[in-house]
């Protein structure tokens, strides 16, 4: 349950960051080409961050499963 809340919170924060960055870039006084390039950079960063976060969650879950196995094997 706690992991699901963490994942939900993380997804909401990441979505908010992306939306805020996107709106900030759309209202910035620069050319469309520059804005699209910046949006691509932010999208790749967000993707990398979510991939990294997914790896950490996976490691945490594997650790919890191993601990559970140890408890039930005694």
PDB file of N, CA and C in Angstrom:
ATOM      1  N   UNK A   1       0.824  -1.195   0.000  1.00  0.00           N
ATOM      2  CA  UNK A   1       0.000   0.000   0.000  1.00  0.00           C
ATOM      3  C   UNK A   1       0.868   1.259   0.000  1.00  0.00           C
ATOM      4  N   UNK A   2       1.898   1.262   0.820  1.00  0.00           N
ATOM      5  CA  UNK A   2       2.783   2.416   0.909  1.00  0.00           C
ATOM      6  C   UNK A   2       3.511   2.631  -0.413  1.00  0.00           C
ATOM      7  N   UNK A   3       3.909   1.539  -1.066  1.00  0.00           N
ATOM      8  CA  UNK A   3       4.615   1.643  -2.339  1.00  0.00           C
ATOM      9  C   UNK A   3       3.698   2.247  -3.397  1.00  0.00           C
ATOM     10  N   UNK A   4       2.445   1.858  -3.408  1.00  0.00           N
ATOM     11  CA  UNK A   4       1.489   2.393  -4.383  1.00  0.00           C
ATOM     12  C   UNK A   4       1.305   3.895  -4.174  1.00  0.00           C
ATOM     13  N   UNK A   5       1.235   4.333  -2.921  1.00  0.00           N
ATOM     14  CA  UNK A   5       1.108   5.757  -2.627  1.00  0.00           C
ATOM     15  C   UNK A   5       2.347   6.513  -3.083  1.00  0.00           C
ATOM     16  N   UNK A   6       3.517   5.916  -2.869  1.00  0.00           N
ATOM     17  CA  UNK A   6       4.760   6.540  -3.302  1.00  0.00           C
ATOM     18  C   UNK A   6       4.793   6.675  -4.818  1.00  0.00           C
ATOM     19  N   UNK A   7       4.411   5.622  -5.520  1.00  0.00           N
ATOM     20  CA  UNK A   7       4.413   5.659  -6.981  1.00  0.00           C
ATOM     21  C   UNK A   7       3.410   6.683  -7.506  1.00  0.00           C
ATOM     22  N   UNK A   8       2.249   6.746  -6.897  1.00  0.00           N
ATOM     23  CA  UNK A   8       1.240   7.725  -7.309  1.00  0.00           C
ATOM     24  C   UNK A   8       1.753   9.135  -7.092  1.00  0.00           C
ATOM     25  N   UNK A   9       2.313   9.375  -5.929  1.00  0.00           N
ATOM     26  CA  UNK A   9       2.863  10.705  -5.626  1.00  0.00           C
ATOM     27  C   UNK A   9       3.968  11.067  -6.601  1.00  0.00           C
ATOM     28  N   UNK A  10       4.861  10.129  -6.876  1.00  0.00           N
ATOM     29  CA  UNK A  10       5.970  10.380  -7.805  1.00  0.00           C
ATOM     30  C   UNK A  10       5.458  10.699  -9.202  1.00  0.00           C
ATOM     31  N   UNK A  11       4.449   9.968  -9.642  1.00  0.00           N
ATOM     32  CA  UNK A  11       3.889  10.215 -10.975  1.00  0.00           C
ATOM     33  C   UNK A  11       3.229  11.591 -11.038  1.00  0.00           C
ATOM     34  N   UNK A  12       2.538  11.983  -9.986  1.00  0.00           N
ATOM     35  CA  UNK A  12       1.885  13.290  -9.959  1.00  0.00           C
ATOM     36  C   UNK A  12       2.933  14.409  -9.968  1.00  0.00           C
ATOM     37  N   UNK A  13       3.992  14.237  -9.194  1.00  0.00           N
ATOM     38  CA  UNK A  13       5.047  15.251  -9.160  1.00  0.00           C
ATOM     39  C   UNK A  13       5.727  15.356 -10.523  1.00  0.00           C
ATOM     40  N   UNK A  14       6.065  14.218 -11.117  1.00  0.00           N
ATOM     41  CA  UNK A  14       6.716  14.231 -12.426  1.00  0.00           C
ATOM     42  C   UNK A  14       5.805  14.862 -13.475  1.00  0.00           C
ATOM     43  N   UNK A  15       4.524  14.524 -13.439  1.00  0.00           N
ATOM     44  CA  UNK A  15       3.582  15.129 -14.376  1.00  0.00           C
ATOM     45  C   UNK A  15       3.477  16.627 -14.183  1.00  0.00           C
ATOM     46  N   UNK A  16       3.442  17.068 -12.943  1.00  0.00           N
ATOM     47  CA  UNK A  16       3.377  18.501 -12.661  1.00  0.00           C
ATOM     48  C   UNK A  16       4.611  19.242 -13.144  1.00  0.00           C
ATOM     49  N   UNK A  17       5.758  18.621 -12.971  1.00  0.00           N
ATOM     50  CA  UNK A  17       6.999  19.242 -13.440  1.00  0.00           C
ATOM     51  C   UNK A  17       6.981  19.375 -14.954  1.00  0.00           C
ATOM     52  N   UNK A  18       6.563  18.317 -15.635  1.00  0.00           N
ATOM     53  CA  UNK A  18       6.505  18.361 -17.095  1.00  0.00           C
ATOM     54  C   UNK A  18       5.517  19.410 -17.595  1.00  0.00           C
ATOM     55  N   UNK A  19       4.356  19.463 -16.995  1.00  0.00           N
ATOM     56  CA  UNK A  19       3.353  20.439 -17.411  1.00  0.00           C
ATOM     57  C   UNK A  19       3.852  21.861 -17.150  1.00  0.00           C
ATOM     58  N   UNK A  20       4.433  22.081 -15.976  1.00  0.00           N
ATOM     59  CA  UNK A  20       4.959  23.409 -15.650  1.00  0.00           C
ATOM     60  C   UNK A  20       6.081  23.830 -16.585  1.00  0.00           C
ATOM     61  N   UNK A  21       6.983  22.907 -16.869  1.00  0.00           N
ATOM     62  CA  UNK A  21       8.085  23.227 -17.784  1.00  0.00           C
ATOM     63  C   UNK A  21       7.552  23.494 -19.186  1.00  0.00           C
ATOM     64  N   UNK A  22       6.602  22.689 -19.606  1.00  0.00           N
ATOM     65  CA  UNK A  22       6.023  22.877 -20.939  1.00  0.00           C
ATOM     66  C   UNK A  22       5.323  24.222 -21.072  1.00  0.00           C
ATOM     67  N   UNK A  23       4.532  24.587 -20.078  1.00  0.00           N
ATOM     68  CA  UNK A  23       3.842  25.876 -20.128  1.00  0.00           C
ATOM     69  C   UNK A  23       4.836  27.034 -20.076  1.00  0.00           C
ATOM     70  N   UNK A  24       5.860  26.882 -19.262  1.00  0.00           N
ATOM     71  CA  UNK A  24       6.874  27.926 -19.183  1.00  0.00           C
ATOM     72  C   UNK A  24       7.578  28.131 -20.514  1.00  0.00           C
ATOM     73  N   UNK A  25       7.866  27.032 -21.190  1.00  0.00           N
ATOM     74  CA  UNK A  25       8.532  27.137 -22.492  1.00  0.00           C
ATOM     75  C   UNK A  25       7.604  27.698 -23.568  1.00  0.00           C
ATOM     76  N   UNK A  26       6.334  27.317 -23.505  1.00  0.00           N
ATOM     77  CA  UNK A  26       5.392  27.799 -24.518  1.00  0.00           C
ATOM     78  C   UNK A  26       5.189  29.312 -24.432  1.00  0.00           C
ATOM     79  N   UNK A  27       5.309  29.863 -23.232  1.00  0.00           N
ATOM     80  CA  UNK A  27       5.115  31.305 -23.072  1.00  0.00           C
ATOM     81  C   UNK A  27       6.435  32.084 -23.096  1.00  0.00           C
ATOM     82  N   UNK A  28       7.533  31.384 -23.324  1.00  0.00           N
ATOM     83  CA  UNK A  28       8.837  32.049 -23.374  1.00  0.00           C
ATOM     84  C   UNK A  28       9.000  32.801 -24.693  1.00  0.00           C
ATOM     85  N   UNK A  29       9.646  33.950 -24.671  1.00  0.00           N
ATOM     86  CA  UNK A  29       9.822  34.740 -25.892  1.00  0.00           C
ATOM     87  C   UNK A  29      11.016  34.249 -26.724  1.00  0.00           C
ATOM     88  N   UNK A  30      10.838  33.118 -27.392  1.00  0.00           N
ATOM     89  CA  UNK A  30      11.901  32.579 -28.238  1.00  0.00           C
ATOM     90  C   UNK A  30      11.275  31.849 -29.421  1.00  0.00           C
ATOM     91  N   UNK A  31      12.091  31.426 -30.340  1.00  0.00           N
ATOM     92  CA  UNK A  31      11.564  30.784 -31.543  1.00  0.00           C
ATOM     93  C   UNK A  31      10.980  29.410 -31.234  1.00  0.00           C
ATOM     94  N   UNK A  32      10.115  28.955 -32.102  1.00  0.00           N
ATOM     95  CA  UNK A  32       9.507  27.633 -31.942  1.00  0.00           C
ATOM     96  C   UNK A  32      10.526  26.516 -31.999  1.00  0.00           C
ATOM     97  N   UNK A  33      11.539  26.659 -32.838  1.00  0.00           N
ATOM     98  CA  UNK A  33      12.575  25.619 -32.966  1.00  0.00           C
ATOM     99  C   UNK A  33      13.316  25.454 -31.633  1.00  0.00           C
ATOM    100  N   UNK A  34      13.676  26.560 -31.001  1.00  0.00           N
ATOM    101  CA  UNK A  34      14.378  26.507 -29.713  1.00  0.00           C
ATOM    102  C   UNK A  34      13.468  25.892 -28.658  1.00  0.00           C
ATOM    103  N   UNK A  35      12.213  26.299 -28.645  1.00  0.00           N
ATOM    104  CA  UNK A  35      11.254  25.781 -27.664  1.00  0.00           C
ATOM    105  C   UNK A  35      11.072  24.281 -27.828  1.00  0.00           C
ATOM    106  N   UNK A  36      10.920  23.811 -29.062  1.00  0.00           N
ATOM    107  CA  UNK A  36      10.754  22.366 -29.295  1.00  0.00           C
ATOM    108  C   UNK A  36      11.995  21.599 -28.852  1.00  0.00           C
ATOM    109  N   UNK A  37      13.163  22.167 -29.096  1.00  0.00           N
ATOM    110  CA  UNK A  37      14.392  21.516 -28.647  1.00  0.00           C
ATOM    111  C   UNK A  37      14.454  21.406 -27.137  1.00  0.00           C
ATOM    112  N   UNK A  38      14.053  22.463 -26.460  1.00  0.00           N
ATOM    113  CA  UNK A  38      14.052  22.437 -24.997  1.00  0.00           C
ATOM    114  C   UNK A  38      13.026  21.443 -24.466  1.00  0.00           C
ATOM    115  N   UNK A  39      11.874  21.369 -25.113  1.00  0.00           N
ATOM    116  CA  UNK A  39      10.862  20.398 -24.693  1.00  0.00           C
ATOM    117  C   UNK A  39      11.391  18.974 -24.845  1.00  0.00           C
ATOM    118  N   UNK A  40      12.122  18.709 -25.900  1.00  0.00           N
ATOM    119  CA  UNK A  40      12.703  17.379 -26.086  1.00  0.00           C
ATOM    120  C   UNK A  40      13.705  17.060 -24.979  1.00  0.00           C
ATOM    121  N   UNK A  41      14.519  18.040 -24.630  1.00  0.00           N
ATOM    122  CA  UNK A  41      15.503  17.829 -23.560  1.00  0.00           C
ATOM    123  C   UNK A  41      14.785  17.519 -22.251  1.00  0.00           C
ATOM    124  N   UNK A  42      13.763  18.304 -21.916  1.00  0.00           N
ATOM    125  CA  UNK A  42      13.019  18.067 -20.675  1.00  0.00           C
ATOM    126  C   UNK A  42      12.314  16.719 -20.695  1.00  0.00           C
ATOM    127  N   UNK A  43      11.770  16.327 -21.836  1.00  0.00           N
ATOM    128  CA  UNK A  43      11.088  15.035 -21.938  1.00  0.00           C
ATOM    129  C   UNK A  43      12.075  13.888 -21.736  1.00  0.00           C
ATOM    130  N   UNK A  44      13.260  14.000 -22.310  1.00  0.00           N
ATOM    131  CA  UNK A  44      14.266  12.946 -22.130  1.00  0.00           C
ATOM    132  C   UNK A  44      14.734  12.872 -20.683  1.00  0.00           C
ATOM    133  N   UNK A  45      14.891  14.028 -20.050  1.00  0.00           N
ATOM    134  CA  UNK A  45      15.282  14.038 -18.635  1.00  0.00           C
ATOM    135  C   UNK A  45      14.218  13.368 -17.774  1.00  0.00           C
ATOM    136  N   UNK A  46      12.961  13.694 -18.035  1.00  0.00           N
ATOM    137  CA  UNK A  46      11.871  13.101 -17.258  1.00  0.00           C
ATOM    138  C   UNK A  46      11.825  11.591 -17.478  1.00  0.00           C
ATOM    139  N   UNK A  47      12.024  11.168 -18.711  1.00  0.00           N
ATOM    140  CA  UNK A  47      12.024   9.739 -19.011  1.00  0.00           C
ATOM    141  C   UNK A  47      13.164   9.033 -18.267  1.00  0.00           C
ATOM    142  N   UNK A  48      14.348   9.628 -18.292  1.00  0.00           N
ATOM    143  CA  UNK A  48      15.486   9.046 -17.587  1.00  0.00           C
ATOM    144  C   UNK A  48      15.223   8.972 -16.084  1.00  0.00           C
ATOM    145  N   UNK A  49      14.634  10.036 -15.549  1.00  0.00           N
ATOM    146  CA  UNK A  49      14.351  10.059 -14.111  1.00  0.00           C
ATOM    147  C   UNK A  49      13.329   8.990 -13.727  1.00  0.00           C
ATOM    148  N   UNK A  50      12.305   8.836 -14.543  1.00  0.00           N
ATOM    149  CA  UNK A  50      11.291   7.815 -14.250  1.00  0.00           C
ATOM    150  C   UNK A  50      11.874   6.409 -14.381  1.00  0.00           C
ATOM    151  N   UNK A  51      12.761   6.203 -15.348  1.00  0.00           N
ATOM    152  CA  UNK A  51      13.420   4.907 -15.495  1.00  0.00           C
ATOM    153  C   UNK A  51      14.273   4.612 -14.269  1.00  0.00           C
ATOM    154  N   UNK A  52      15.009   5.610 -13.815  1.00  0.00           N
ATOM    155  CA  UNK A  52      15.841   5.456 -12.623  1.00  0.00           C
ATOM    156  C   UNK A  52      14.973   5.169 -11.398  1.00  0.00           C
ATOM    157  N   UNK A  53      13.877   5.898 -11.272  1.00  0.00           N
ATOM    158  CA  UNK A  53      12.971   5.701 -10.145  1.00  0.00           C
ATOM    159  C   UNK A  53      12.376   4.298 -10.186  1.00  0.00           C
ATOM    160  N   UNK A  54      12.020   3.827 -11.377  1.00  0.00           N
ATOM    161  CA  UNK A  54      11.484   2.478 -11.519  1.00  0.00           C
ATOM    162  C   UNK A  54      12.493   1.431 -11.078  1.00  0.00           C
ATOM    163  N   UNK A  55      13.765   1.657 -11.394  1.00  0.00           N
ATOM    164  CA  UNK A  55      14.813   0.731 -10.957  1.00  0.00           C
ATOM    165  C   UNK A  55      14.939   0.699  -9.447  1.00  0.00           C
ATOM    166  N   UNK A  56      14.842   1.867  -8.828  1.00  0.00           N
ATOM    167  CA  UNK A  56      14.925   1.915  -7.362  1.00  0.00           C
ATOM    168  C   UNK A  56      13.738   1.213  -6.724  1.00  0.00           C
ATOM    169  N   UNK A  57      12.558   1.416  -7.291  1.00  0.00           N
ATOM    170  CA  UNK A  57      11.366   0.758  -6.759  1.00  0.00           C
ATOM    171  C   UNK A  57      11.504  -0.752  -6.910  1.00  0.00           C
ATOM    172  N   UNK A  58      12.008  -1.186  -8.057  1.00  0.00           N
ATOM    173  CA  UNK A  58      12.209  -2.616  -8.297  1.00  0.00           C
ATOM    174  C   UNK A  58      13.181  -3.210  -7.286  1.00  0.00           C
ATOM    175  N   UNK A  59      14.270  -2.506  -7.010  1.00  0.00           N
ATOM    176  CA  UNK A  59      15.239  -2.987  -6.025  1.00  0.00           C
ATOM    177  C   UNK A  59      14.610  -3.068  -4.640  1.00  0.00           C
ATOM    178  N   UNK A  60      13.837  -2.066  -4.290  1.00  0.00           N
ATOM    179  CA  UNK A  60      13.172  -2.059  -2.989  1.00  0.00           C
ATOM    180  C   UNK A  60      12.203  -3.223  -2.874  1.00  0.00           C
ATOM    181  N   UNK A  61      11.428  -3.451  -3.920  1.00  0.00           N
ATOM    182  CA  UNK A  61      10.455  -4.544  -3.901  1.00  0.00           C
ATOM    183  C   UNK A  61      11.172  -5.893  -3.807  1.00  0.00           C
ATOM    184  N   UNK A  62      12.269  -6.057  -4.542  1.00  0.00           N
ATOM    185  CA  UNK A  62      13.027  -7.302  -4.463  1.00  0.00           C
ATOM    186  C   UNK A  62      13.564  -7.525  -3.058  1.00  0.00           C
ATOM    187  N   UNK A  63      14.033  -6.459  -2.421  1.00  0.00           N
ATOM    188  CA  UNK A  63      14.507  -6.572  -1.044  1.00  0.00           C
ATOM    189  C   UNK A  63      13.399  -6.973  -0.088  1.00  0.00           C
ATOM    190  N   UNK A  64      12.211  -6.405  -0.282  1.00  0.00           N
ATOM    191  CA  UNK A  64      11.073  -6.766   0.569  1.00  0.00           C
ATOM    192  C   UNK A  64      10.657  -8.214   0.355  1.00  0.00           C
ATOM    193  N   UNK A  65      10.678  -8.658  -0.882  1.00  0.00           N
ATOM    194  CA  UNK A  65      10.328 -10.052  -1.179  1.00  0.00           C
ATOM    195  C   UNK A  65      11.339 -10.986  -0.529  1.00  0.00           C
ATOM    196  N   UNK A  66      12.621 -10.657  -0.625  1.00  0.00           N
ATOM    197  CA  UNK A  66      13.651 -11.488   0.014  1.00  0.00           C
ATOM    198  C   UNK A  66      13.462 -11.533   1.528  1.00  0.00           C
ATOM    199  N   UNK A  67      13.156 -10.404   2.131  1.00  0.00           N
ATOM    200  CA  UNK A  67      12.915 -10.387   3.580  1.00  0.00           C
ATOM    201  C   UNK A  67      11.698 -11.242   3.934  1.00  0.00           C
ATOM    202  N   UNK A  68      10.654 -11.148   3.112  1.00  0.00           N
ATOM    203  CA  UNK A  68       9.471 -11.964   3.348  1.00  0.00           C
ATOM    204  C   UNK A  68       9.778 -13.444   3.255  1.00  0.00           C
ATOM    205  N   UNK A  69      10.590 -13.815   2.294  1.00  0.00           N
ATOM    206  CA  UNK A  69      10.986 -15.221   2.158  1.00  0.00           C
ATOM    207  C   UNK A  69      11.764 -15.694   3.373  1.00  0.00           C
ATOM    208  N   UNK A  70      12.644 -14.840   3.889  1.00  0.00           N
ATOM    209  CA  UNK A  70      13.420 -15.197   5.063  1.00  0.00           C
ATOM    210  C   UNK A  70      12.513 -15.399   6.271  1.00  0.00           C
ATOM    211  N   UNK A  71      11.514 -14.558   6.424  1.00  0.00           N
ATOM    212  CA  UNK A  71      10.598 -14.662   7.563  1.00  0.00           C
ATOM    213  C   UNK A  71       9.801 -15.955   7.475  1.00  0.00           C
ATOM    214  N   UNK A  72       9.318 -16.299   6.291  1.00  0.00           N
ATOM    215  CA  UNK A  72       8.478 -17.483   6.165  1.00  0.00           C
ATOM    216  C   UNK A  72       9.265 -18.775   6.082  1.00  0.00           C
ATOM    217  N   UNK A  73      10.574 -18.705   5.843  1.00  0.00           N
ATOM    218  CA  UNK A  73      11.366 -19.921   5.772  1.00  0.00           C
ATOM    219  C   UNK A  73      11.849 -20.379   7.147  1.00  0.00           C
ATOM    220  N   UNK A  74      11.696 -19.525   8.152  1.00  0.00           N
ATOM    221  CA  UNK A  74      12.142 -19.876   9.513  1.00  0.00           C
ATOM    222  C   UNK A  74      11.200 -20.812  10.187  1.00  0.00           C
TER     223      UNK A  74
END
